[in-house]
């Protein structure tokens, strides 16, 4: 009887392990994409050529209220998940674009990057993302970034859209290098790996009109996993567009 119970337990254990492996979402590969940097960076993954913003207390209060840690954003703000919600930053006239780090609430050593494309021709797969540029090589756990650290993405013409990428644990704290093959979560839902299209959104864009900022919050967990809290504040930043 003990032998039968043991064999049953062992078979059940193997079935659970097998099921867990099958349920893992395969990553999207970016094999044809090249990678670049906005700036050289130090051994903490902090860009050398950073600027500085003073983040207003009103904006911080707005973020704390809108993106509280551990609260499911799909329930508290379902309007951010409708099909018409913004997926990227659309440039409507010749503009200079900046990204300002707010905070990271994650255990991953994530990197933040961006890509561009013609607004009228959005990417349909990773093959349409020709270049990804790192903004903050280390924007997650033990980051050297401080709230208000700011990078100039450059000047862009009208008809350009800017997408953002959170690269999961791409920063190696031992080697001080980046892994371009890390799991990518993009602001374009179509580039993300979840099988269910309703779970592919990993970035929310929130307009903060009092200061003409767009706040972007990323979720860095597989959204098909029951462990995902869907709070979309794992890495948070805002964009400033100057015409």
C-alpha atoms as a PDB file:
ATOM      1  CA  UNK A   1       0.000   0.000   0.000  1.00  0.00           C
ATOM      2  CA  UNK A   2       2.831   2.392   0.880  1.00  0.00           C
ATOM      3  CA  UNK A   3       4.508   1.638  -2.440  1.00  0.00           C
ATOM      4  CA  UNK A   4       1.313   2.392  -4.349  1.00  0.00           C
ATOM      5  CA  UNK A   5       0.840   5.662  -2.454  1.00  0.00           C
ATOM      6  CA  UNK A   6       4.428   6.650  -3.171  1.00  0.00           C
ATOM      7  CA  UNK A   7       4.067   5.886  -6.875  1.00  0.00           C
ATOM      8  CA  UNK A   8       0.814   7.857  -7.013  1.00  0.00           C
ATOM      9  CA  UNK A   9       2.420  10.837  -5.264  1.00  0.00           C
ATOM     10  CA  UNK A  10       5.464  10.721  -7.552  1.00  0.00           C
ATOM     11  CA  UNK A  11       3.293  10.546 -10.697  1.00  0.00           C
ATOM     12  CA  UNK A  12       1.195  13.471  -9.453  1.00  0.00           C
ATOM     13  CA  UNK A  13       4.341  15.471  -8.720  1.00  0.00           C
ATOM     14  CA  UNK A  14       5.644  14.887 -12.246  1.00  0.00           C
ATOM     15  CA  UNK A  15       2.280  15.914 -13.668  1.00  0.00           C
ATOM     16  CA  UNK A  16       2.363  19.192 -11.714  1.00  0.00           C
ATOM     17  CA  UNK A  17       5.918  19.929 -12.824  1.00  0.00           C
ATOM     18  CA  UNK A  18       4.993  19.159 -16.423  1.00  0.00           C
ATOM     19  CA  UNK A  19       1.908  21.373 -16.228  1.00  0.00           C
ATOM     20  CA  UNK A  20       3.941  24.255 -14.803  1.00  0.00           C
ATOM     21  CA  UNK A  21       6.417  24.010 -17.640  1.00  0.00           C
ATOM     22  CA  UNK A  22       3.646  23.957 -20.229  1.00  0.00           C
ATOM     23  CA  UNK A  23       1.919  26.972 -18.686  1.00  0.00           C
ATOM     24  CA  UNK A  24       5.017  29.196 -18.910  1.00  0.00           C
ATOM     25  CA  UNK A  25       4.561  31.756 -21.683  1.00  0.00           C
ATOM     26  CA  UNK A  26       7.327  31.469 -24.316  1.00  0.00           C
ATOM     27  CA  UNK A  27       9.129  34.793 -24.830  1.00  0.00           C
ATOM     28  CA  UNK A  28       8.997  36.785 -28.055  1.00  0.00           C
ATOM     29  CA  UNK A  29      12.420  36.835 -29.724  1.00  0.00           C
ATOM     30  CA  UNK A  30      13.970  39.969 -31.231  1.00  0.00           C
ATOM     31  CA  UNK A  31      16.616  38.219 -33.306  1.00  0.00           C
ATOM     32  CA  UNK A  32      16.788  40.847 -36.071  1.00  0.00           C
ATOM     33  CA  UNK A  33      16.852  43.861 -33.721  1.00  0.00           C
ATOM     34  CA  UNK A  34      20.011  45.874 -33.044  1.00  0.00           C
ATOM     35  CA  UNK A  35      20.696  47.514 -29.671  1.00  0.00           C
ATOM     36  CA  UNK A  36      22.237  50.857 -28.753  1.00  0.00           C
ATOM     37  CA  UNK A  37      22.629  53.230 -25.788  1.00  0.00           C
ATOM     38  CA  UNK A  38      21.610  56.829 -25.232  1.00  0.00           C
ATOM     39  CA  UNK A  39      24.634  57.344 -23.030  1.00  0.00           C
ATOM     40  CA  UNK A  40      27.655  55.575 -21.585  1.00  0.00           C
ATOM     41  CA  UNK A  41      26.894  54.253 -18.095  1.00  0.00           C
ATOM     42  CA  UNK A  42      28.760  53.530 -14.878  1.00  0.00           C
ATOM     43  CA  UNK A  43      29.188  50.241 -13.000  1.00  0.00           C
ATOM     44  CA  UNK A  44      25.750  50.672 -11.424  1.00  0.00           C
ATOM     45  CA  UNK A  45      24.106  50.910 -14.853  1.00  0.00           C
ATOM     46  CA  UNK A  46      23.455  54.639 -14.358  1.00  0.00           C
ATOM     47  CA  UNK A  47      23.793  56.818 -17.486  1.00  0.00           C
ATOM     48  CA  UNK A  48      26.580  59.369 -17.298  1.00  0.00           C
ATOM     49  CA  UNK A  49      24.817  62.050 -19.351  1.00  0.00           C
ATOM     50  CA  UNK A  50      21.712  62.475 -17.189  1.00  0.00           C
ATOM     51  CA  UNK A  51      19.677  65.577 -16.541  1.00  0.00           C
ATOM     52  CA  UNK A  52      17.550  66.256 -13.455  1.00  0.00           C
ATOM     53  CA  UNK A  53      13.881  67.059 -12.888  1.00  0.00           C
ATOM     54  CA  UNK A  54      12.181  68.107  -9.682  1.00  0.00           C
ATOM     55  CA  UNK A  55       9.065  65.954  -9.451  1.00  0.00           C
ATOM     56  CA  UNK A  56       6.184  67.906  -7.978  1.00  0.00           C
ATOM     57  CA  UNK A  57       4.415  66.660  -4.859  1.00  0.00           C
ATOM     58  CA  UNK A  58       1.113  66.860  -6.750  1.00  0.00           C
ATOM     59  CA  UNK A  59       2.356  64.493  -9.432  1.00  0.00           C
ATOM     60  CA  UNK A  60       3.719  62.056  -6.836  1.00  0.00           C
ATOM     61  CA  UNK A  61       0.398  62.117  -4.983  1.00  0.00           C
ATOM     62  CA  UNK A  62      -1.425  61.454  -8.252  1.00  0.00           C
ATOM     63  CA  UNK A  63       0.807  58.449  -8.970  1.00  0.00           C
ATOM     64  CA  UNK A  64       0.461  57.058  -5.438  1.00  0.00           C
ATOM     65  CA  UNK A  65      -3.306  57.328  -5.772  1.00  0.00           C
ATOM     66  CA  UNK A  66      -3.526  55.938  -9.314  1.00  0.00           C
ATOM     67  CA  UNK A  67      -0.859  53.215  -9.174  1.00  0.00           C
ATOM     68  CA  UNK A  68      -0.791  51.932  -5.575  1.00  0.00           C
ATOM     69  CA  UNK A  69       1.459  48.973  -4.937  1.00  0.00           C
ATOM     70  CA  UNK A  70      -0.272  45.599  -5.113  1.00  0.00           C
ATOM     71  CA  UNK A  71      -3.627  46.925  -6.333  1.00  0.00           C
ATOM     72  CA  UNK A  72      -5.042  45.409  -9.522  1.00  0.00           C
ATOM     73  CA  UNK A  73      -5.190  48.304 -11.991  1.00  0.00           C
ATOM     74  CA  UNK A  74      -7.486  46.419 -14.363  1.00  0.00           C
ATOM     75  CA  UNK A  75     -10.178  46.673 -11.671  1.00  0.00           C
ATOM     76  CA  UNK A  76      -9.480  50.176 -10.348  1.00  0.00           C
ATOM     77  CA  UNK A  77      -8.968  51.806 -13.777  1.00  0.00           C
ATOM     78  CA  UNK A  78     -10.471  49.584 -16.498  1.00  0.00           C
ATOM     79  CA  UNK A  79     -10.499  52.551 -18.911  1.00  0.00           C
ATOM     80  CA  UNK A  80      -6.725  52.146 -19.286  1.00  0.00           C
ATOM     81  CA  UNK A  81      -7.231  48.698 -20.818  1.00  0.00           C
ATOM     82  CA  UNK A  82      -9.761  49.390 -23.546  1.00  0.00           C
ATOM     83  CA  UNK A  83      -8.652  48.909 -27.137  1.00  0.00           C
ATOM     84  CA  UNK A  84      -8.597  52.662 -27.770  1.00  0.00           C
ATOM     85  CA  UNK A  85      -6.185  53.335 -24.867  1.00  0.00           C
ATOM     86  CA  UNK A  86      -2.780  54.736 -25.818  1.00  0.00           C
ATOM     87  CA  UNK A  87      -0.046  52.184 -26.440  1.00  0.00           C
ATOM     88  CA  UNK A  88       2.768  54.530 -27.414  1.00  0.00           C
ATOM     89  CA  UNK A  89       3.836  58.155 -27.458  1.00  0.00           C
ATOM     90  CA  UNK A  90       2.674  59.804 -30.702  1.00  0.00           C
ATOM     91  CA  UNK A  91       4.652  62.809 -31.941  1.00  0.00           C
ATOM     92  CA  UNK A  92       2.393  65.256 -33.786  1.00  0.00           C
ATOM     93  CA  UNK A  93       4.966  67.990 -34.466  1.00  0.00           C
ATOM     94  CA  UNK A  94       8.737  68.363 -34.468  1.00  0.00           C
ATOM     95  CA  UNK A  95       9.580  67.795 -30.784  1.00  0.00           C
ATOM     96  CA  UNK A  96      12.260  67.085 -28.231  1.00  0.00           C
ATOM     97  CA  UNK A  97      11.348  64.167 -25.942  1.00  0.00           C
ATOM     98  CA  UNK A  98      12.539  63.455 -22.408  1.00  0.00           C
ATOM     99  CA  UNK A  99      12.009  60.526 -20.033  1.00  0.00           C
ATOM    100  CA  UNK A 100      12.127  61.066 -16.263  1.00  0.00           C
ATOM    101  CA  UNK A 101      12.474  58.153 -13.843  1.00  0.00           C
ATOM    102  CA  UNK A 102      10.014  58.159 -10.938  1.00  0.00           C
ATOM    103  CA  UNK A 103      10.506  54.836  -9.133  1.00  0.00           C
ATOM    104  CA  UNK A 104      10.820  51.094  -9.467  1.00  0.00           C
ATOM    105  CA  UNK A 105       8.875  48.643  -7.286  1.00  0.00           C
ATOM    106  CA  UNK A 106      10.255  45.312  -8.415  1.00  0.00           C
ATOM    107  CA  UNK A 107      12.653  42.524  -7.523  1.00  0.00           C
ATOM    108  CA  UNK A 108      13.951  42.341 -11.108  1.00  0.00           C
ATOM    109  CA  UNK A 109      17.103  44.075 -12.316  1.00  0.00           C
ATOM    110  CA  UNK A 110      15.173  45.483 -15.251  1.00  0.00           C
ATOM    111  CA  UNK A 111      16.354  47.805 -18.013  1.00  0.00           C
ATOM    112  CA  UNK A 112      14.254  50.468 -19.747  1.00  0.00           C
ATOM    113  CA  UNK A 113      14.593  51.130 -23.463  1.00  0.00           C
ATOM    114  CA  UNK A 114      12.689  52.561 -26.431  1.00  0.00           C
ATOM    115  CA  UNK A 115      12.109  52.105 -30.162  1.00  0.00           C
ATOM    116  CA  UNK A 116      10.477  54.216 -32.862  1.00  0.00           C
ATOM    117  CA  UNK A 117       8.307  53.607 -35.898  1.00  0.00           C
ATOM    118  CA  UNK A 118       6.152  55.564 -38.375  1.00  0.00           C
ATOM    119  CA  UNK A 119       2.812  56.232 -36.669  1.00  0.00           C
ATOM    120  CA  UNK A 120       0.911  55.085 -39.757  1.00  0.00           C
ATOM    121  CA  UNK A 121       2.854  51.819 -39.895  1.00  0.00           C
ATOM    122  CA  UNK A 122       2.980  50.268 -36.411  1.00  0.00           C
ATOM    123  CA  UNK A 123       4.928  47.047 -35.815  1.00  0.00           C
ATOM    124  CA  UNK A 124       3.076  43.801 -36.350  1.00  0.00           C
ATOM    125  CA  UNK A 125       5.824  41.578 -34.945  1.00  0.00           C
ATOM    126  CA  UNK A 126       9.282  41.830 -33.403  1.00  0.00           C
ATOM    127  CA  UNK A 127      10.738  41.754 -36.928  1.00  0.00           C
ATOM    128  CA  UNK A 128       9.369  45.279 -37.404  1.00  0.00           C
ATOM    129  CA  UNK A 129      11.404  46.630 -34.462  1.00  0.00           C
ATOM    130  CA  UNK A 130      14.725  47.379 -36.097  1.00  0.00           C
ATOM    131  CA  UNK A 131      16.500  49.135 -33.229  1.00  0.00           C
ATOM    132  CA  UNK A 132      16.085  49.291 -29.450  1.00  0.00           C
ATOM    133  CA  UNK A 133      17.953  51.964 -27.493  1.00  0.00           C
ATOM    134  CA  UNK A 134      18.613  51.653 -23.779  1.00  0.00           C
ATOM    135  CA  UNK A 135      17.498  54.651 -21.703  1.00  0.00           C
ATOM    136  CA  UNK A 136      18.244  53.345 -18.208  1.00  0.00           C
ATOM    137  CA  UNK A 137      20.329  50.125 -18.246  1.00  0.00           C
ATOM    138  CA  UNK A 138      19.462  49.500 -14.591  1.00  0.00           C
ATOM    139  CA  UNK A 139      15.993  50.669 -13.555  1.00  0.00           C
ATOM    140  CA  UNK A 140      14.923  47.904 -11.176  1.00  0.00           C
ATOM    141  CA  UNK A 141      16.271  46.292  -8.024  1.00  0.00           C
ATOM    142  CA  UNK A 142      19.249  48.140  -6.489  1.00  0.00           C
ATOM    143  CA  UNK A 143      19.152  50.747  -9.242  1.00  0.00           C
ATOM    144  CA  UNK A 144      21.389  53.768  -8.812  1.00  0.00           C
ATOM    145  CA  UNK A 145      18.650  55.989 -10.229  1.00  0.00           C
ATOM    146  CA  UNK A 146      16.925  58.613  -8.131  1.00  0.00           C
ATOM    147  CA  UNK A 147      13.451  60.077  -8.686  1.00  0.00           C
ATOM    148  CA  UNK A 148      13.827  62.890 -11.198  1.00  0.00           C
ATOM    149  CA  UNK A 149      16.766  61.402 -13.100  1.00  0.00           C
ATOM    150  CA  UNK A 150      16.100  62.375 -16.688  1.00  0.00           C
ATOM    151  CA  UNK A 151      17.291  61.456 -20.180  1.00  0.00           C
ATOM    152  CA  UNK A 152      16.875  63.268 -23.476  1.00  0.00           C
ATOM    153  CA  UNK A 153      15.685  60.752 -26.075  1.00  0.00           C
ATOM    154  CA  UNK A 154      16.331  63.220 -28.903  1.00  0.00           C
ATOM    155  CA  UNK A 155      14.362  65.172 -31.471  1.00  0.00           C
ATOM    156  CA  UNK A 156      11.637  63.511 -33.508  1.00  0.00           C
ATOM    157  CA  UNK A 157       9.545  64.563 -36.501  1.00  0.00           C
ATOM    158  CA  UNK A 158       5.777  64.556 -36.713  1.00  0.00           C
ATOM    159  CA  UNK A 159       4.394  61.164 -37.676  1.00  0.00           C
ATOM    160  CA  UNK A 160       6.826  59.305 -35.406  1.00  0.00           C
ATOM    161  CA  UNK A 161       5.685  57.097 -32.549  1.00  0.00           C
ATOM    162  CA  UNK A 162       7.867  56.058 -29.622  1.00  0.00           C
ATOM    163  CA  UNK A 163       7.386  52.688 -27.973  1.00  0.00           C
ATOM    164  CA  UNK A 164       8.964  51.608 -24.694  1.00  0.00           C
ATOM    165  CA  UNK A 165      10.463  48.279 -23.633  1.00  0.00           C
ATOM    166  CA  UNK A 166      11.002  46.878 -20.165  1.00  0.00           C
ATOM    167  CA  UNK A 167      13.694  44.198 -20.390  1.00  0.00           C
ATOM    168  CA  UNK A 168      13.288  41.816 -17.499  1.00  0.00           C
ATOM    169  CA  UNK A 169      16.418  41.354 -15.367  1.00  0.00           C
ATOM    170  CA  UNK A 170      18.524  42.432 -18.341  1.00  0.00           C
ATOM    171  CA  UNK A 171      21.084  44.148 -16.101  1.00  0.00           C
ATOM    172  CA  UNK A 172      23.653  41.747 -14.631  1.00  0.00           C
ATOM    173  CA  UNK A 173      24.824  43.195 -11.323  1.00  0.00           C
ATOM    174  CA  UNK A 174      27.908  40.963 -11.302  1.00  0.00           C
ATOM    175  CA  UNK A 175      29.231  41.412 -14.843  1.00  0.00           C
ATOM    176  CA  UNK A 176      27.860  44.996 -15.108  1.00  0.00           C
ATOM    177  CA  UNK A 177      26.577  44.131 -18.570  1.00  0.00           C
ATOM    178  CA  UNK A 178      23.245  43.968 -20.352  1.00  0.00           C
ATOM    179  CA  UNK A 179      21.578  40.911 -21.807  1.00  0.00           C
ATOM    180  CA  UNK A 180      19.904  41.799 -25.105  1.00  0.00           C
ATOM    181  CA  UNK A 181      18.183  38.409 -25.047  1.00  0.00           C
ATOM    182  CA  UNK A 182      16.295  39.148 -21.842  1.00  0.00           C
ATOM    183  CA  UNK A 183      12.511  38.873 -21.863  1.00  0.00           C
ATOM    184  CA  UNK A 184      11.023  41.981 -23.525  1.00  0.00           C
ATOM    185  CA  UNK A 185       7.737  43.550 -22.435  1.00  0.00           C
ATOM    186  CA  UNK A 186       6.750  46.276 -24.886  1.00  0.00           C
ATOM    187  CA  UNK A 187       4.223  49.082 -24.818  1.00  0.00           C
ATOM    188  CA  UNK A 188       2.842  47.688 -28.088  1.00  0.00           C
ATOM    189  CA  UNK A 189       0.632  44.826 -26.920  1.00  0.00           C
ATOM    190  CA  UNK A 190       1.123  42.883 -30.142  1.00  0.00           C
ATOM    191  CA  UNK A 191       4.829  42.416 -29.324  1.00  0.00           C
ATOM    192  CA  UNK A 192       4.179  40.751 -25.970  1.00  0.00           C
ATOM    193  CA  UNK A 193       4.145  36.991 -25.398  1.00  0.00           C
ATOM    194  CA  UNK A 194       0.894  36.155 -23.572  1.00  0.00           C
ATOM    195  CA  UNK A 195      -1.346  33.828 -25.575  1.00  0.00           C
ATOM    196  CA  UNK A 196      -4.532  35.632 -24.520  1.00  0.00           C
ATOM    197  CA  UNK A 197      -4.538  39.011 -26.331  1.00  0.00           C
ATOM    198  CA  UNK A 198      -6.494  40.518 -23.436  1.00  0.00           C
ATOM    199  CA  UNK A 199      -3.484  39.914 -21.180  1.00  0.00           C
ATOM    200  CA  UNK A 200      -0.756  41.304 -23.422  1.00  0.00           C
ATOM    201  CA  UNK A 201      -0.804  44.874 -22.157  1.00  0.00           C
ATOM    202  CA  UNK A 202       2.282  45.563 -20.047  1.00  0.00           C
ATOM    203  CA  UNK A 203       2.375  49.376 -20.091  1.00  0.00           C
ATOM    204  CA  UNK A 204      -0.289  51.941 -19.295  1.00  0.00           C
ATOM    205  CA  UNK A 205      -0.144  55.568 -20.473  1.00  0.00           C
ATOM    206  CA  UNK A 206      -1.769  58.065 -18.132  1.00  0.00           C
ATOM    207  CA  UNK A 207      -2.195  61.697 -19.115  1.00  0.00           C
ATOM    208  CA  UNK A 208      -1.349  64.143 -16.341  1.00  0.00           C
ATOM    209  CA  UNK A 209      -2.715  67.318 -17.871  1.00  0.00           C
ATOM    210  CA  UNK A 210      -1.829  69.777 -15.040  1.00  0.00           C
ATOM    211  CA  UNK A 211       1.847  69.444 -15.984  1.00  0.00           C
ATOM    212  CA  UNK A 212       1.496  68.204 -19.571  1.00  0.00           C
ATOM    213  CA  UNK A 213       3.170  64.900 -18.734  1.00  0.00           C
ATOM    214  CA  UNK A 214       2.414  61.363 -19.800  1.00  0.00           C
ATOM    215  CA  UNK A 215       2.994  58.873 -16.991  1.00  0.00           C
ATOM    216  CA  UNK A 216       3.948  55.345 -18.048  1.00  0.00           C
ATOM    217  CA  UNK A 217       3.671  52.399 -15.674  1.00  0.00           C
ATOM    218  CA  UNK A 218       4.997  48.917 -16.510  1.00  0.00           C
ATOM    219  CA  UNK A 219       3.954  45.504 -15.220  1.00  0.00           C
ATOM    220  CA  UNK A 220       6.968  43.160 -15.233  1.00  0.00           C
ATOM    221  CA  UNK A 221       5.249  39.821 -14.552  1.00  0.00           C
ATOM    222  CA  UNK A 222       3.718  37.322 -16.966  1.00  0.00           C
ATOM    223  CA  UNK A 223       0.090  38.460 -16.877  1.00  0.00           C
ATOM    224  CA  UNK A 224      -1.176  34.937 -17.509  1.00  0.00           C
ATOM    225  CA  UNK A 225       0.399  33.882 -14.197  1.00  0.00           C
ATOM    226  CA  UNK A 226      -1.717  33.798 -11.032  1.00  0.00           C
ATOM    227  CA  UNK A 227       1.185  35.466  -9.182  1.00  0.00           C
ATOM    228  CA  UNK A 228       0.891  38.655 -11.286  1.00  0.00           C
ATOM    229  CA  UNK A 229      -0.590  41.504  -9.217  1.00  0.00           C
ATOM    230  CA  UNK A 230      -1.354  43.732 -12.238  1.00  0.00           C
ATOM    231  CA  UNK A 231      -0.414  46.907 -10.371  1.00  0.00           C
ATOM    232  CA  UNK A 232       1.599  48.338 -13.319  1.00  0.00           C
ATOM    233  CA  UNK A 233       4.041  50.218 -11.104  1.00  0.00           C
ATOM    234  CA  UNK A 234       7.099  47.963 -11.331  1.00  0.00           C
ATOM    235  CA  UNK A 235       8.931  50.679 -13.273  1.00  0.00           C
ATOM    236  CA  UNK A 236       7.297  54.098 -13.530  1.00  0.00           C
ATOM    237  CA  UNK A 237       8.410  57.161 -15.442  1.00  0.00           C
ATOM    238  CA  UNK A 238       6.946  60.147 -17.266  1.00  0.00           C
ATOM    239  CA  UNK A 239       7.584  61.706 -20.641  1.00  0.00           C
ATOM    240  CA  UNK A 240       7.917  65.368 -21.488  1.00  0.00           C
ATOM    241  CA  UNK A 241       7.410  66.536 -25.083  1.00  0.00           C
ATOM    242  CA  UNK A 242       8.702  69.998 -25.959  1.00  0.00           C
ATOM    243  CA  UNK A 243       7.743  71.527 -29.312  1.00  0.00           C
END
